[in-house]
N, C-alpha and C. Protein backbone atom coordinates (compact mmCIF):
# COMPACT_ATOMS: atom_id res chain seq x y z
N UNK A 1 -156.87 121.25 -71.15
CA UNK A 1 -157.41 122.55 -71.41
C UNK A 1 -157.50 122.73 -72.93
N UNK A 2 -158.68 123.10 -73.38
CA UNK A 2 -158.92 123.29 -74.81
C UNK A 2 -158.81 124.78 -75.14
N UNK A 3 -157.99 125.05 -76.11
CA UNK A 3 -157.83 126.45 -76.52
C UNK A 3 -159.01 126.87 -77.40
N UNK A 4 -159.58 128.00 -77.06
CA UNK A 4 -160.68 128.51 -77.87
C UNK A 4 -160.12 129.25 -79.08
N UNK A 5 -160.78 129.08 -80.23
CA UNK A 5 -160.28 129.79 -81.42
C UNK A 5 -160.46 131.30 -81.25
N UNK A 6 -159.49 132.02 -81.75
CA UNK A 6 -159.56 133.48 -81.68
C UNK A 6 -160.64 133.96 -82.65
N UNK A 7 -161.42 134.93 -82.21
CA UNK A 7 -162.43 135.46 -83.14
C UNK A 7 -161.76 136.16 -84.31
N UNK A 8 -162.31 135.93 -85.48
CA UNK A 8 -161.76 136.57 -86.67
C UNK A 8 -162.06 138.06 -86.64
N UNK A 9 -161.06 138.82 -86.99
CA UNK A 9 -161.26 140.26 -87.07
C UNK A 9 -161.90 140.56 -88.43
N UNK A 10 -162.99 141.26 -88.37
CA UNK A 10 -163.62 141.65 -89.62
C UNK A 10 -163.21 143.06 -89.94
N UNK A 11 -162.79 143.26 -91.14
CA UNK A 11 -162.40 144.61 -91.58
C UNK A 11 -163.61 145.31 -92.13
N UNK A 12 -163.88 146.40 -91.57
CA UNK A 12 -164.99 147.20 -92.05
C UNK A 12 -164.49 148.08 -93.20
N UNK A 13 -165.14 147.94 -94.32
CA UNK A 13 -164.74 148.73 -95.48
C UNK A 13 -165.27 150.14 -95.30
N UNK A 14 -164.37 151.07 -95.30
CA UNK A 14 -164.76 152.47 -95.13
C UNK A 14 -164.69 153.15 -96.48
N UNK A 15 -165.78 153.80 -96.82
CA UNK A 15 -165.81 154.56 -98.05
C UNK A 15 -165.49 156.01 -97.75
N UNK A 16 -164.90 156.65 -98.72
CA UNK A 16 -164.70 158.09 -98.58
C UNK A 16 -166.07 158.75 -98.60
N UNK A 17 -166.27 159.79 -97.81
CA UNK A 17 -167.56 160.47 -97.84
C UNK A 17 -167.79 161.11 -99.20
N UNK A 18 -169.04 161.09 -99.62
CA UNK A 18 -169.40 161.70 -100.90
C UNK A 18 -169.75 163.15 -100.63
N UNK A 19 -168.99 164.03 -101.21
CA UNK A 19 -169.23 165.46 -101.05
C UNK A 19 -169.27 166.07 -102.44
N UNK A 20 -170.38 166.68 -102.77
CA UNK A 20 -170.53 167.33 -104.06
C UNK A 20 -171.58 168.42 -103.93
N UNK A 21 -171.66 169.27 -104.91
CA UNK A 21 -172.58 170.39 -104.88
C UNK A 21 -173.54 170.29 -106.05
N UNK A 22 -174.80 170.63 -105.79
CA UNK A 22 -175.81 170.72 -106.85
C UNK A 22 -176.53 172.05 -106.67
N UNK A 23 -176.90 172.66 -107.77
CA UNK A 23 -177.57 173.96 -107.72
C UNK A 23 -179.06 173.78 -107.96
N UNK A 24 -179.87 174.49 -107.18
CA UNK A 24 -181.31 174.44 -107.34
C UNK A 24 -181.73 175.45 -108.42
N UNK A 25 -182.65 175.02 -109.28
CA UNK A 25 -183.15 175.91 -110.33
C UNK A 25 -184.23 176.83 -109.76
N UNK A 26 -184.68 177.77 -110.58
CA UNK A 26 -185.73 178.69 -110.14
C UNK A 26 -187.05 177.95 -109.89
N UNK A 27 -187.19 176.75 -110.44
CA UNK A 27 -188.40 175.94 -110.22
C UNK A 27 -188.25 175.00 -109.02
N UNK A 28 -187.14 175.11 -108.30
CA UNK A 28 -186.93 174.27 -107.12
C UNK A 28 -186.41 172.88 -107.44
N UNK A 29 -185.90 172.68 -108.64
CA UNK A 29 -185.40 171.36 -109.03
C UNK A 29 -183.90 171.28 -108.81
N UNK A 30 -183.46 170.08 -108.42
CA UNK A 30 -182.04 169.82 -108.21
C UNK A 30 -181.66 168.62 -109.07
N UNK A 31 -180.58 168.75 -109.82
CA UNK A 31 -180.06 167.61 -110.57
C UNK A 31 -179.04 166.90 -109.69
N UNK A 32 -179.26 165.63 -109.46
CA UNK A 32 -178.30 164.84 -108.68
C UNK A 32 -177.12 164.56 -109.60
N UNK A 33 -175.92 164.96 -109.20
CA UNK A 33 -174.75 164.76 -110.06
C UNK A 33 -174.56 163.29 -110.43
N UNK A 34 -174.04 163.05 -111.63
CA UNK A 34 -173.86 161.69 -112.14
C UNK A 34 -173.02 160.83 -111.19
N UNK A 35 -171.97 161.42 -110.64
CA UNK A 35 -171.14 160.67 -109.71
C UNK A 35 -171.96 160.12 -108.54
N UNK A 36 -172.85 160.93 -108.00
CA UNK A 36 -173.69 160.51 -106.88
C UNK A 36 -174.70 159.46 -107.33
N UNK A 37 -175.33 159.67 -108.50
CA UNK A 37 -176.28 158.68 -109.02
C UNK A 37 -175.61 157.32 -109.20
N UNK A 38 -174.42 157.34 -109.76
CA UNK A 38 -173.69 156.09 -109.97
C UNK A 38 -173.27 155.45 -108.65
N UNK A 39 -172.75 156.28 -107.75
CA UNK A 39 -172.24 155.78 -106.47
C UNK A 39 -173.33 155.09 -105.65
N UNK A 40 -174.53 155.68 -105.65
CA UNK A 40 -175.63 155.14 -104.86
C UNK A 40 -176.65 154.36 -105.68
N UNK A 41 -176.35 154.15 -106.94
CA UNK A 41 -177.18 153.35 -107.84
C UNK A 41 -178.60 153.89 -107.94
N UNK A 42 -178.73 155.21 -108.08
CA UNK A 42 -180.04 155.83 -108.31
C UNK A 42 -180.45 155.60 -109.75
N UNK A 43 -181.69 155.25 -109.95
CA UNK A 43 -182.24 155.02 -111.28
C UNK A 43 -183.35 156.03 -111.54
N UNK A 44 -183.67 156.27 -112.83
CA UNK A 44 -184.80 157.16 -113.13
C UNK A 44 -186.07 156.65 -112.46
N UNK A 45 -186.80 157.55 -111.86
CA UNK A 45 -188.03 157.17 -111.16
C UNK A 45 -187.85 156.90 -109.68
N UNK A 46 -186.60 156.72 -109.22
CA UNK A 46 -186.37 156.54 -107.78
C UNK A 46 -186.82 157.79 -107.04
N UNK A 47 -187.38 157.59 -105.87
CA UNK A 47 -187.80 158.70 -105.04
C UNK A 47 -186.83 158.86 -103.88
N UNK A 48 -186.62 160.11 -103.47
CA UNK A 48 -185.75 160.38 -102.34
C UNK A 48 -186.55 161.11 -101.27
N UNK A 49 -186.08 160.98 -100.04
CA UNK A 49 -186.70 161.64 -98.90
C UNK A 49 -185.65 162.58 -98.30
N UNK A 50 -186.07 163.78 -97.96
CA UNK A 50 -185.19 164.73 -97.28
C UNK A 50 -185.50 164.64 -95.80
N UNK A 51 -184.50 164.32 -94.99
CA UNK A 51 -184.68 164.11 -93.56
C UNK A 51 -183.75 165.06 -92.80
N UNK A 52 -184.33 165.77 -91.84
CA UNK A 52 -183.51 166.63 -90.98
C UNK A 52 -183.50 166.03 -89.58
N UNK A 53 -182.32 165.90 -89.01
CA UNK A 53 -182.21 165.45 -87.63
C UNK A 53 -181.15 166.30 -86.93
N UNK A 54 -180.73 165.89 -85.74
CA UNK A 54 -179.79 166.70 -84.97
C UNK A 54 -178.41 166.81 -85.62
N UNK A 55 -178.10 165.92 -86.57
CA UNK A 55 -176.79 165.98 -87.22
C UNK A 55 -176.81 166.73 -88.54
N UNK A 56 -178.00 167.09 -89.03
CA UNK A 56 -178.08 167.85 -90.28
C UNK A 56 -179.17 167.34 -91.19
N UNK A 57 -179.07 167.70 -92.46
CA UNK A 57 -180.03 167.31 -93.48
C UNK A 57 -179.46 166.12 -94.25
N UNK A 58 -180.30 165.12 -94.47
CA UNK A 58 -179.88 163.91 -95.17
C UNK A 58 -180.86 163.61 -96.30
N UNK A 59 -180.36 163.00 -97.34
CA UNK A 59 -181.21 162.55 -98.44
C UNK A 59 -181.14 161.03 -98.44
N UNK A 60 -182.31 160.41 -98.45
CA UNK A 60 -182.38 158.94 -98.43
C UNK A 60 -183.29 158.45 -99.54
N UNK A 61 -183.04 157.24 -99.98
CA UNK A 61 -183.91 156.61 -100.96
C UNK A 61 -185.23 156.29 -100.28
N UNK A 62 -186.33 156.54 -100.97
CA UNK A 62 -187.65 156.25 -100.42
C UNK A 62 -187.87 154.75 -100.44
N UNK A 63 -188.21 154.20 -99.30
CA UNK A 63 -188.48 152.78 -99.17
C UNK A 63 -189.96 152.54 -99.42
N UNK A 64 -190.26 151.70 -100.37
CA UNK A 64 -191.65 151.41 -100.70
C UNK A 64 -192.02 150.03 -100.18
N UNK A 65 -193.09 149.99 -99.41
CA UNK A 65 -193.53 148.74 -98.82
C UNK A 65 -193.95 147.73 -99.89
N UNK A 66 -194.39 148.21 -101.05
CA UNK A 66 -194.82 147.28 -102.10
C UNK A 66 -193.68 146.39 -102.56
N UNK A 67 -192.43 146.84 -102.39
CA UNK A 67 -191.29 146.02 -102.76
C UNK A 67 -191.16 144.79 -101.88
N UNK A 68 -191.76 144.84 -100.69
CA UNK A 68 -191.70 143.69 -99.78
C UNK A 68 -192.88 142.74 -99.94
N UNK A 69 -193.89 143.16 -100.64
CA UNK A 69 -195.11 142.35 -100.77
C UNK A 69 -194.79 140.96 -101.32
N UNK A 70 -193.88 140.88 -102.30
CA UNK A 70 -193.58 139.59 -102.91
C UNK A 70 -192.90 138.64 -101.93
N UNK A 71 -192.30 139.17 -100.86
CA UNK A 71 -191.61 138.33 -99.88
C UNK A 71 -192.50 137.90 -98.73
N UNK A 72 -193.67 138.52 -98.59
CA UNK A 72 -194.53 138.22 -97.45
C UNK A 72 -194.92 136.75 -97.38
N UNK A 73 -195.14 136.12 -98.50
CA UNK A 73 -195.55 134.71 -98.51
C UNK A 73 -194.49 133.81 -97.87
N UNK A 74 -193.23 134.18 -98.02
CA UNK A 74 -192.15 133.38 -97.45
C UNK A 74 -192.14 133.42 -95.93
N UNK A 75 -192.67 134.50 -95.36
CA UNK A 75 -192.58 134.70 -93.92
C UNK A 75 -193.91 134.60 -93.19
N UNK A 76 -194.98 134.21 -93.89
CA UNK A 76 -196.29 134.20 -93.25
C UNK A 76 -196.38 133.21 -92.09
N UNK A 77 -195.59 132.12 -92.13
CA UNK A 77 -195.63 131.16 -91.03
C UNK A 77 -194.91 131.66 -89.78
N UNK A 78 -194.23 132.79 -89.87
CA UNK A 78 -193.50 133.35 -88.72
C UNK A 78 -194.36 134.29 -87.88
N UNK A 79 -195.53 134.62 -88.37
CA UNK A 79 -196.38 135.59 -87.68
C UNK A 79 -196.71 135.09 -86.27
N UNK A 80 -196.53 135.98 -85.30
CA UNK A 80 -196.85 135.66 -83.92
C UNK A 80 -195.72 134.97 -83.15
N UNK A 81 -194.63 134.67 -83.81
CA UNK A 81 -193.50 134.01 -83.14
C UNK A 81 -192.42 135.05 -82.86
N UNK A 82 -191.72 134.90 -81.74
CA UNK A 82 -190.64 135.84 -81.47
C UNK A 82 -189.35 135.37 -82.16
N UNK A 83 -188.38 136.27 -82.25
CA UNK A 83 -187.17 135.98 -83.02
C UNK A 83 -186.36 134.83 -82.43
N UNK A 84 -186.31 134.70 -81.11
CA UNK A 84 -185.56 133.60 -80.50
C UNK A 84 -186.16 132.25 -80.88
N UNK A 85 -187.46 132.18 -80.89
CA UNK A 85 -188.16 130.95 -81.26
C UNK A 85 -187.90 130.59 -82.73
N UNK A 86 -187.94 131.59 -83.59
CA UNK A 86 -187.71 131.36 -85.01
C UNK A 86 -186.29 130.89 -85.26
N UNK A 87 -185.31 131.56 -84.64
CA UNK A 87 -183.92 131.17 -84.83
C UNK A 87 -183.65 129.77 -84.30
N UNK A 88 -184.21 129.44 -83.16
CA UNK A 88 -184.04 128.09 -82.61
C UNK A 88 -184.61 127.05 -83.58
N UNK A 89 -185.75 127.35 -84.16
CA UNK A 89 -186.38 126.45 -85.12
C UNK A 89 -185.50 126.29 -86.36
N UNK A 90 -184.99 127.40 -86.89
CA UNK A 90 -184.14 127.34 -88.07
C UNK A 90 -182.83 126.59 -87.80
N UNK A 91 -182.34 126.67 -86.59
CA UNK A 91 -181.10 125.99 -86.23
C UNK A 91 -181.31 124.53 -85.86
N UNK A 92 -182.57 124.12 -85.79
CA UNK A 92 -182.87 122.73 -85.50
C UNK A 92 -182.83 122.37 -84.03
N UNK A 93 -183.05 123.33 -83.16
CA UNK A 93 -183.02 123.08 -81.71
C UNK A 93 -184.40 122.72 -81.22
């Protein structure tokens, strides 16, 4: 009887929630506090999206498709293939 190795326990790093307050100006502008900019690595010119769902209002970084354009050439041979087929190919099966 061969003993199977125990799966390694992965520790999920939990961050403290970021809670801070920002005041809106009369022109509707909000300054993102420095702590938040640093914590989430916001840079000048970054765009954010305000999203409301059943859990509340969220602010997210705007994802721009143009950032992926440079990677498209690497994946053009995968077009039309399903993920199982691609993984099997990459694994040499």
